[in-house]
Each structure stands twice: as structure tokens, then as C-alpha cells.
N, C-alpha and C. Protein backbone atom coordinates (compact mmCIF):
# COMPACT_ATOMS: atom_id res chain seq x y z
N LEU A 1 142.15 -64.69 92.08
CA LEU A 1 141.29 -63.61 92.51
C LEU A 1 139.85 -64.07 92.42
N LEU A 2 139.13 -63.94 93.48
CA LEU A 2 137.79 -64.49 93.52
C LEU A 2 136.69 -63.47 93.36
N LYS A 3 137.01 -62.20 93.32
CA LYS A 3 135.97 -61.20 93.11
C LYS A 3 136.28 -60.43 91.83
N PRO A 4 135.25 -59.95 91.16
CA PRO A 4 135.47 -59.21 89.91
C PRO A 4 136.27 -57.93 90.16
N VAL A 5 137.28 -57.71 89.34
CA VAL A 5 138.09 -56.50 89.40
C VAL A 5 138.35 -56.03 87.98
N ASN A 6 138.69 -54.76 87.82
CA ASN A 6 139.07 -54.28 86.50
C ASN A 6 140.52 -54.70 86.22
N PHE A 7 140.97 -54.43 85.01
CA PHE A 7 142.29 -54.88 84.57
C PHE A 7 143.40 -54.35 85.47
N THR A 8 143.38 -53.05 85.74
CA THR A 8 144.43 -52.43 86.55
C THR A 8 144.45 -53.02 87.96
N ASP A 9 143.30 -53.20 88.56
CA ASP A 9 143.24 -53.81 89.89
C ASP A 9 143.71 -55.26 89.85
N GLY A 10 143.42 -55.97 88.76
CA GLY A 10 143.91 -57.33 88.61
C GLY A 10 145.42 -57.39 88.59
N ILE A 11 146.04 -56.47 87.86
CA ILE A 11 147.51 -56.39 87.82
C ILE A 11 148.04 -56.13 89.23
N ASN A 12 147.47 -55.12 89.88
CA ASN A 12 147.95 -54.74 91.22
C ASN A 12 147.77 -55.85 92.24
N GLN A 13 146.64 -56.55 92.19
CA GLN A 13 146.42 -57.64 93.14
C GLN A 13 147.37 -58.80 92.90
N CYS A 14 147.66 -59.11 91.64
CA CYS A 14 148.63 -60.17 91.36
C CYS A 14 150.00 -59.82 91.93
N LYS A 15 150.40 -58.56 91.78
CA LYS A 15 151.70 -58.12 92.31
C LYS A 15 151.71 -58.11 93.83
N THR A 16 150.65 -57.56 94.43
CA THR A 16 150.60 -57.41 95.88
C THR A 16 150.42 -58.75 96.59
N LEU A 17 149.48 -59.55 96.13
CA LEU A 17 149.15 -60.79 96.82
C LEU A 17 150.08 -61.95 96.48
N TYR A 18 150.60 -61.98 95.26
CA TYR A 18 151.36 -63.15 94.80
C TYR A 18 152.74 -62.83 94.25
N ASP A 19 153.13 -61.55 94.27
CA ASP A 19 154.40 -61.11 93.70
C ASP A 19 154.54 -61.63 92.26
N GLY A 20 153.45 -61.51 91.50
CA GLY A 20 153.44 -62.02 90.13
C GLY A 20 152.72 -61.10 89.18
N ASN A 21 152.44 -61.61 88.00
CA ASN A 21 151.74 -60.88 86.94
C ASN A 21 150.51 -61.66 86.50
N LEU A 22 149.63 -60.98 85.80
CA LEU A 22 148.60 -61.70 85.06
C LEU A 22 149.30 -62.61 84.06
N ALA A 23 148.66 -63.69 83.70
CA ALA A 23 149.29 -64.70 82.84
C ALA A 23 149.59 -64.16 81.45
N SER A 24 150.76 -64.55 80.95
CA SER A 24 151.06 -64.39 79.53
C SER A 24 151.01 -65.79 78.93
N ILE A 25 150.46 -65.89 77.74
CA ILE A 25 150.20 -67.19 77.11
C ILE A 25 151.02 -67.29 75.84
N HIS A 26 151.84 -68.35 75.75
CA HIS A 26 152.77 -68.47 74.63
C HIS A 26 152.58 -69.74 73.81
N SER A 27 151.55 -70.50 74.08
CA SER A 27 151.31 -71.71 73.29
C SER A 27 149.87 -72.16 73.45
N LYS A 28 149.46 -73.03 72.55
CA LYS A 28 148.13 -73.61 72.63
C LYS A 28 147.98 -74.41 73.92
N ASP A 29 149.04 -75.10 74.33
CA ASP A 29 148.99 -75.89 75.57
C ASP A 29 148.78 -74.99 76.79
N GLU A 30 149.50 -73.86 76.84
CA GLU A 30 149.32 -72.93 77.96
C GLU A 30 147.91 -72.36 77.95
N ASN A 31 147.41 -72.03 76.77
CA ASN A 31 146.05 -71.51 76.65
C ASN A 31 145.04 -72.54 77.17
N GLN A 32 145.23 -73.79 76.79
CA GLN A 32 144.32 -74.86 77.22
C GLN A 32 144.41 -75.09 78.72
N PHE A 33 145.63 -75.06 79.26
CA PHE A 33 145.80 -75.24 80.70
C PHE A 33 145.04 -74.17 81.47
N LEU A 34 145.23 -72.91 81.10
CA LEU A 34 144.54 -71.83 81.79
C LEU A 34 143.03 -71.92 81.61
N THR A 35 142.61 -72.30 80.42
CA THR A 35 141.18 -72.48 80.17
C THR A 35 140.60 -73.56 81.06
N ASN A 36 141.33 -74.66 81.21
CA ASN A 36 140.86 -75.75 82.07
C ASN A 36 140.74 -75.31 83.52
N VAL A 37 141.75 -74.61 84.02
CA VAL A 37 141.71 -74.12 85.40
C VAL A 37 140.54 -73.16 85.56
N PHE A 38 140.42 -72.27 84.63
CA PHE A 38 139.38 -71.24 84.64
C PHE A 38 137.99 -71.86 84.54
N SER A 39 137.85 -72.90 83.74
CA SER A 39 136.54 -73.50 83.49
C SER A 39 136.01 -74.29 84.68
N ILE A 40 136.90 -74.85 85.48
CA ILE A 40 136.43 -75.69 86.59
C ILE A 40 136.36 -74.95 87.91
N ASP A 41 136.84 -73.72 87.96
CA ASP A 41 136.84 -72.96 89.21
C ASP A 41 135.42 -72.54 89.57
N PRO A 42 134.85 -73.08 90.63
CA PRO A 42 133.47 -72.73 90.99
C PRO A 42 133.33 -71.29 91.49
N ASN A 43 134.45 -70.64 91.78
CA ASN A 43 134.39 -69.27 92.28
C ASN A 43 134.30 -68.23 91.17
N VAL A 44 134.50 -68.64 89.92
CA VAL A 44 134.40 -67.70 88.81
C VAL A 44 132.94 -67.52 88.48
N GLU A 45 132.49 -66.29 88.50
CA GLU A 45 131.07 -66.01 88.29
C GLU A 45 130.75 -65.83 86.81
N TYR A 46 129.57 -66.26 86.43
CA TYR A 46 129.04 -66.01 85.10
C TYR A 46 128.31 -64.68 85.11
N PHE A 47 128.26 -64.03 83.98
CA PHE A 47 127.40 -62.85 83.87
C PHE A 47 126.76 -62.83 82.50
N LEU A 48 125.66 -62.12 82.40
CA LEU A 48 124.90 -62.07 81.16
C LEU A 48 125.52 -61.03 80.25
N ASN A 49 125.98 -61.46 79.08
CA ASN A 49 126.69 -60.59 78.16
C ASN A 49 125.75 -59.90 77.18
N ASP A 50 124.87 -60.64 76.55
CA ASP A 50 124.03 -60.06 75.50
C ASP A 50 122.58 -60.55 75.61
N ASN A 51 122.16 -60.88 76.80
CA ASN A 51 120.82 -61.39 77.09
C ASN A 51 120.56 -62.79 76.55
N THR A 52 121.53 -63.42 75.91
CA THR A 52 121.35 -64.79 75.44
C THR A 52 122.51 -65.69 75.84
N THR A 53 123.66 -65.12 76.15
CA THR A 53 124.86 -65.91 76.40
C THR A 53 125.44 -65.58 77.76
N TYR A 54 125.68 -66.60 78.57
CA TYR A 54 126.39 -66.40 79.82
C TYR A 54 127.88 -66.52 79.54
N VAL A 55 128.61 -65.51 79.95
CA VAL A 55 130.03 -65.43 79.64
C VAL A 55 130.80 -65.25 80.93
N ARG A 56 132.00 -65.73 80.97
CA ARG A 56 132.91 -65.37 82.05
C ARG A 56 134.27 -65.08 81.45
N TYR A 57 134.93 -64.12 82.05
CA TYR A 57 136.23 -63.67 81.57
C TYR A 57 137.25 -63.79 82.69
N ALA A 58 138.49 -64.02 82.31
CA ALA A 58 139.61 -63.93 83.24
C ALA A 58 140.65 -63.03 82.58
N TRP A 59 141.07 -62.00 83.29
CA TRP A 59 142.10 -61.13 82.73
C TRP A 59 143.36 -61.92 82.46
N ILE A 60 143.99 -61.64 81.34
CA ILE A 60 145.34 -62.11 81.05
C ILE A 60 146.18 -60.86 80.87
N GLY A 61 147.48 -61.01 80.86
CA GLY A 61 148.37 -59.85 80.83
C GLY A 61 148.58 -59.24 79.47
N LEU A 62 147.59 -59.28 78.63
CA LEU A 62 147.68 -58.73 77.28
C LEU A 62 147.09 -57.33 77.27
N GLN A 63 147.87 -56.37 76.76
CA GLN A 63 147.42 -54.98 76.77
C GLN A 63 147.80 -54.28 75.47
N ASP A 64 147.10 -53.21 75.20
CA ASP A 64 147.33 -52.35 74.04
C ASP A 64 147.58 -50.94 74.56
N PRO A 65 148.78 -50.68 75.10
CA PRO A 65 149.03 -49.40 75.76
C PRO A 65 149.01 -48.20 74.83
N THR A 66 149.26 -48.42 73.54
CA THR A 66 149.28 -47.30 72.58
C THR A 66 147.94 -47.11 71.89
N HIS A 67 146.98 -47.98 72.18
CA HIS A 67 145.63 -47.91 71.59
C HIS A 67 145.67 -47.98 70.07
N THR A 68 146.56 -48.83 69.56
CA THR A 68 146.73 -49.00 68.11
C THR A 68 146.58 -50.45 67.68
N LEU A 69 146.01 -51.29 68.55
CA LEU A 69 145.87 -52.73 68.32
C LEU A 69 147.22 -53.44 68.21
N ASN A 70 148.25 -52.86 68.82
CA ASN A 70 149.57 -53.49 68.93
C ASN A 70 149.72 -53.99 70.36
N TYR A 71 149.31 -55.24 70.57
CA TYR A 71 149.25 -55.81 71.91
C TYR A 71 150.62 -56.27 72.39
N THR A 72 150.85 -56.12 73.69
CA THR A 72 152.07 -56.57 74.34
C THR A 72 151.68 -57.30 75.63
N TRP A 73 152.58 -58.17 76.10
CA TRP A 73 152.38 -58.80 77.40
C TRP A 73 152.97 -57.90 78.47
N ILE A 74 152.27 -57.76 79.60
CA ILE A 74 152.74 -56.85 80.64
C ILE A 74 154.04 -57.31 81.28
N ASP A 75 154.41 -58.59 81.13
CA ASP A 75 155.68 -59.06 81.68
C ASP A 75 156.84 -58.84 80.72
N GLY A 76 156.58 -58.24 79.56
CA GLY A 76 157.64 -57.92 78.61
C GLY A 76 158.00 -59.03 77.65
N THR A 77 157.41 -60.22 77.79
CA THR A 77 157.71 -61.30 76.86
C THR A 77 157.04 -61.04 75.52
N SER A 78 157.54 -61.70 74.49
CA SER A 78 157.03 -61.45 73.14
C SER A 78 155.64 -62.06 72.95
N VAL A 79 154.85 -61.43 72.10
CA VAL A 79 153.53 -61.96 71.74
C VAL A 79 153.75 -62.92 70.58
N ASP A 80 153.97 -64.19 70.93
CA ASP A 80 154.28 -65.21 69.93
C ASP A 80 153.15 -66.21 69.76
N TYR A 81 152.05 -66.00 70.47
CA TYR A 81 150.87 -66.84 70.34
C TYR A 81 149.65 -65.98 70.65
N THR A 82 148.62 -66.10 69.84
CA THR A 82 147.33 -65.48 70.16
C THR A 82 146.22 -66.46 69.79
N ASN A 83 145.09 -66.25 70.38
CA ASN A 83 143.92 -67.06 70.09
C ASN A 83 142.70 -66.16 70.13
N TRP A 84 142.74 -65.12 69.29
CA TRP A 84 141.65 -64.15 69.28
C TRP A 84 140.34 -64.81 68.85
N ALA A 85 139.27 -64.41 69.49
CA ALA A 85 137.94 -64.82 69.06
C ALA A 85 137.67 -64.23 67.68
N HIS A 86 136.69 -64.78 66.99
CA HIS A 86 136.31 -64.30 65.66
C HIS A 86 136.03 -62.80 65.71
N ASN A 87 136.60 -62.06 64.78
CA ASN A 87 136.45 -60.60 64.67
C ASN A 87 137.07 -59.83 65.83
N GLU A 88 138.00 -60.44 66.53
CA GLU A 88 138.75 -59.76 67.59
C GLU A 88 140.22 -59.71 67.20
N PRO A 89 140.98 -58.75 67.66
CA PRO A 89 140.53 -57.63 68.47
C PRO A 89 139.79 -56.60 67.62
N ASP A 90 138.73 -56.06 68.19
CA ASP A 90 137.94 -55.08 67.44
C ASP A 90 138.00 -53.69 68.05
N ASP A 91 138.70 -53.55 69.15
CA ASP A 91 138.94 -52.27 69.80
C ASP A 91 137.69 -51.67 70.43
N GLY A 92 136.54 -52.27 70.27
CA GLY A 92 135.32 -51.81 70.93
C GLY A 92 135.07 -50.32 70.80
N GLY A 93 135.25 -49.79 69.60
CA GLY A 93 135.02 -48.36 69.40
C GLY A 93 136.05 -47.49 70.11
N GLY A 94 137.26 -48.01 70.28
CA GLY A 94 138.31 -47.26 70.94
C GLY A 94 138.32 -47.41 72.45
N LEU A 95 137.53 -48.36 72.97
CA LEU A 95 137.42 -48.51 74.42
C LEU A 95 138.06 -49.78 74.96
N GLN A 96 138.49 -50.70 74.10
CA GLN A 96 139.01 -51.98 74.57
C GLN A 96 140.51 -52.05 74.35
N HIS A 97 141.25 -52.13 75.46
CA HIS A 97 142.71 -52.12 75.37
C HIS A 97 143.37 -53.17 76.25
N CYS A 98 142.61 -54.15 76.70
CA CYS A 98 143.13 -55.19 77.58
C CYS A 98 142.63 -56.54 77.10
N GLY A 99 143.42 -57.58 77.37
CA GLY A 99 143.03 -58.91 76.94
C GLY A 99 142.42 -59.73 78.05
N ALA A 100 141.50 -60.58 77.68
CA ALA A 100 140.88 -61.49 78.64
C ALA A 100 140.68 -62.84 78.00
N LEU A 101 140.84 -63.87 78.79
CA LEU A 101 140.50 -65.22 78.35
C LEU A 101 139.01 -65.38 78.58
N GLN A 102 138.33 -65.83 77.57
CA GLN A 102 136.88 -65.87 77.59
C GLN A 102 136.40 -67.30 77.57
N GLY A 103 135.51 -67.64 78.49
CA GLY A 103 134.83 -68.92 78.48
C GLY A 103 133.36 -68.68 78.25
N VAL A 104 132.77 -69.40 77.33
CA VAL A 104 131.37 -69.17 76.98
C VAL A 104 130.61 -70.47 77.16
N THR A 105 129.44 -70.38 77.75
CA THR A 105 128.65 -71.59 77.94
C THR A 105 127.82 -71.94 76.72
N THR A 106 127.50 -70.94 75.90
CA THR A 106 126.86 -71.19 74.62
C THR A 106 127.49 -70.25 73.62
N GLY A 107 127.49 -70.59 72.37
CA GLY A 107 128.08 -69.72 71.37
C GLY A 107 129.37 -70.28 70.83
N CYS A 108 130.11 -69.44 70.11
CA CYS A 108 131.25 -69.95 69.34
C CYS A 108 132.59 -69.38 69.78
N ARG A 109 132.66 -68.68 70.90
CA ARG A 109 133.90 -68.01 71.26
C ARG A 109 134.60 -68.69 72.44
N HIS A 110 134.39 -69.95 72.60
CA HIS A 110 134.91 -70.69 73.75
C HIS A 110 136.43 -70.73 73.74
N HIS A 111 137.03 -70.43 74.88
CA HIS A 111 138.47 -70.55 75.12
C HIS A 111 139.30 -69.61 74.28
N SER A 112 138.76 -68.50 73.87
CA SER A 112 139.49 -67.58 73.00
C SER A 112 139.76 -66.27 73.72
N PHE A 113 140.53 -65.40 73.06
CA PHE A 113 140.86 -64.09 73.61
C PHE A 113 139.82 -63.08 73.15
N ASP A 114 139.57 -62.12 73.98
CA ASP A 114 138.74 -60.97 73.62
C ASP A 114 139.47 -59.74 74.10
N ASN A 115 139.29 -58.63 73.40
CA ASN A 115 139.84 -57.39 73.94
C ASN A 115 138.71 -56.65 74.62
N ILE A 116 138.91 -56.34 75.86
CA ILE A 116 137.85 -55.90 76.75
C ILE A 116 138.09 -54.46 77.18
N TRP A 117 137.02 -53.72 77.31
CA TRP A 117 137.12 -52.37 77.84
C TRP A 117 137.50 -52.42 79.31
N VAL A 118 138.40 -51.54 79.71
CA VAL A 118 138.79 -51.47 81.11
C VAL A 118 138.27 -50.18 81.70
N SER A 119 137.63 -50.27 82.86
CA SER A 119 137.08 -49.07 83.49
C SER A 119 138.13 -48.41 84.36
């Protein structure tokens, strides 16, 4: 997907365009593979996160449907690997219920998971 979409639209576009799901990640190797693909894609846009760090996110199929920080993969596979960024998941004040792979150009959260608010 080359344009920014919210989590739900990302799920729907994966199903409609590719008959698939957002990625589920079950090992460090899978996490690194997706990070590598994500990091070199020139179509992924950067955005300013906190006025000091340029961040880019890619939705992964990790969700918290019960809003209790009990994450599941949307494809039904078990959550047997995570790579949460420091102090994540933090639930964002009750607003973050979806997972994203995060690439950071500066800072300490490179190649980790974040729980992101979905609009």
C-alpha cells in the first residue's frame, strides 16, 4: 500500500487487493525481513512525530479488540513473538488498539512495535 491509510482500511485493502492480511510476525527473522523491506521502500513516507524525530509506521496485523492490552493477530495465529518498543504497549490513554512496525531515523525505537491509535 503506497498511501497512508488507517488500520481498518489497511486490513480491507490487503483483503481486496491481495486476498491477504496484514503481516503477522512470529520470529526475529520475520521482524527483520519486514523491517528491511519497509526501510528500503522509497514509497513509504516519513512524518514528523514529535518535532524532533521523523518516524514511519507500517501496519501489522496486531490488534487489541478487547481494549485490555491482550493483543491478537488478525489471522488467528498465536502471539508467540513481540518486539515492543520501550514502554509499549502503553494504550495511549485508551486510544491505541492496533500494532504497527515502526522505523525511526533518529532515536531508540528502531524496528520495534508500537501500539497506535486508529481513527
